[in-house]
């Protein structure tokens, strides 16, 4: 369980004005925050269901594949037409992945 979700979300927004929204989904539920005045954005409702349904399944599938013979799953990117999605599974080591997320997010292509 990640106790500093709000802090992670706020730190993500400090990285770049290009980060449209940030979400953390754990045993305590979904926490999301969206930046206002972003163009070409999907709706908040669409984002919510992506976080509740799509992303957990993608993380589970990629994690299971990674655990077979690839050394696990650290993170992965999805490139939609208008934006990127950066997914992490924070369950194993939140502090380690938090640092890695903040580093990778700074270098995302535009």
Protein backbone atom coordinates (compact mmCIF):
# COMPACT_ATOMS: atom_id res chain seq x y z
CA UNK A 1 0.00 0.00 0.00
CA UNK A 2 1.35 3.40 -0.93
CA UNK A 3 0.88 5.99 1.80
CA UNK A 4 2.28 8.98 -0.06
CA UNK A 5 0.03 8.91 -3.16
CA UNK A 6 -0.77 12.62 -3.02
CA UNK A 7 2.92 13.48 -2.71
CA UNK A 8 3.81 11.29 -5.71
CA UNK A 9 1.02 12.84 -7.77
CA UNK A 10 2.14 16.38 -6.89
CA UNK A 11 5.79 15.55 -7.65
CA UNK A 12 4.79 14.19 -11.04
CA UNK A 13 3.07 17.45 -11.94
CA UNK A 14 6.17 19.39 -10.93
CA UNK A 15 8.26 17.46 -13.48
CA UNK A 16 6.57 18.93 -16.52
CA UNK A 17 3.56 20.92 -17.62
CA UNK A 18 3.08 18.22 -20.27
CA UNK A 19 1.84 15.68 -17.71
CA UNK A 20 -1.94 15.78 -18.15
CA UNK A 21 -2.99 13.55 -15.29
CA UNK A 22 -1.56 11.21 -12.72
CA UNK A 23 -3.24 8.26 -11.08
CA UNK A 24 -2.28 5.80 -8.37
CA UNK A 25 -4.43 2.72 -7.83
CA UNK A 26 -3.74 0.58 -4.75
CA UNK A 27 -5.56 -1.28 -1.99
CA UNK A 28 -7.01 2.04 -0.79
CA UNK A 29 -8.55 2.73 -4.19
CA UNK A 30 -7.92 5.09 -7.05
CA UNK A 31 -6.46 8.57 -6.56
CA UNK A 32 -6.31 10.80 -9.63
CA UNK A 33 -5.54 14.40 -10.37
CA UNK A 34 -5.86 16.10 -13.75
CA UNK A 35 -4.31 19.31 -14.96
CA UNK A 36 -6.82 21.79 -16.35
CA UNK A 37 -6.74 23.38 -19.80
CA UNK A 38 -5.13 20.48 -21.67
CA UNK A 39 -6.06 19.98 -25.33
CA UNK A 40 -6.76 16.64 -27.04
CA UNK A 41 -7.51 15.00 -23.71
CA UNK A 42 -9.82 12.10 -23.11
CA UNK A 43 -12.62 12.64 -20.61
CA UNK A 44 -12.17 12.24 -16.85
CA UNK A 45 -14.67 9.38 -16.92
CA UNK A 46 -12.72 7.61 -19.67
CA UNK A 47 -9.47 8.06 -17.71
CA UNK A 48 -11.10 6.68 -14.58
CA UNK A 49 -12.20 3.47 -16.31
CA UNK A 50 -8.83 3.10 -17.99
CA UNK A 51 -7.22 3.20 -14.53
CA UNK A 52 -9.76 0.85 -12.95
CA UNK A 53 -10.07 -1.71 -15.76
CA UNK A 54 -7.52 -1.48 -18.57
CA UNK A 55 -4.24 -0.58 -16.87
CA UNK A 56 -4.45 -3.17 -14.07
CA UNK A 57 -4.99 -5.91 -16.66
CA UNK A 58 -2.09 -4.66 -18.80
CA UNK A 59 0.20 -4.56 -15.76
CA UNK A 60 -0.88 -8.07 -14.72
CA UNK A 61 -0.30 -9.52 -18.21
CA UNK A 62 3.06 -7.82 -18.71
CA UNK A 63 4.17 -8.74 -15.18
CA UNK A 64 3.32 -12.40 -15.68
CA UNK A 65 5.21 -12.46 -18.98
CA UNK A 66 8.15 -10.62 -17.47
CA UNK A 67 8.33 -13.01 -14.55
CA UNK A 68 8.64 -16.10 -16.77
CA UNK A 69 12.12 -15.42 -18.11
CA UNK A 70 12.62 -11.68 -18.57
CA UNK A 71 13.60 -10.57 -15.07
CA UNK A 72 10.20 -9.12 -14.18
CA UNK A 73 8.47 -5.91 -15.24
CA UNK A 74 9.81 -2.49 -14.28
CA UNK A 75 7.52 -0.25 -16.35
CA UNK A 76 6.11 0.16 -19.82
CA UNK A 77 4.90 2.91 -22.13
CA UNK A 78 1.80 3.05 -24.27
CA UNK A 79 1.75 5.54 -27.13
CA UNK A 80 -1.75 6.68 -28.05
CA UNK A 81 -2.25 9.19 -30.86
CA UNK A 82 -2.38 12.23 -28.57
CA UNK A 83 -0.34 11.18 -25.55
CA UNK A 84 1.83 8.61 -23.78
CA UNK A 85 0.89 6.46 -20.80
CA UNK A 86 3.64 5.35 -18.43
CA UNK A 87 2.63 2.36 -16.28
CA UNK A 88 4.36 1.00 -13.18
CA UNK A 89 3.52 -1.74 -10.73
CA UNK A 90 4.39 -0.17 -7.37
CA UNK A 91 3.50 -3.25 -5.31
CA UNK A 92 6.99 -4.63 -4.94
CA UNK A 93 9.01 -1.55 -3.94
CA UNK A 94 7.19 1.79 -3.95
CA UNK A 95 10.28 3.85 -3.07
CA UNK A 96 12.42 2.27 -5.80
CA UNK A 97 9.73 2.69 -8.44
CA UNK A 98 8.85 6.19 -7.31
CA UNK A 99 12.43 7.30 -7.98
CA UNK A 100 12.48 5.46 -11.31
CA UNK A 101 9.13 6.98 -12.33
CA UNK A 102 10.27 10.49 -11.57
CA UNK A 103 13.46 9.95 -13.59
CA UNK A 104 11.73 8.38 -16.61
CA UNK A 105 8.86 10.84 -16.67
CA UNK A 106 11.33 13.69 -17.04
CA UNK A 107 12.59 12.17 -20.31
CA UNK A 108 9.33 11.27 -22.06
CA UNK A 109 9.18 12.32 -25.72
CA UNK A 110 6.69 15.02 -26.64
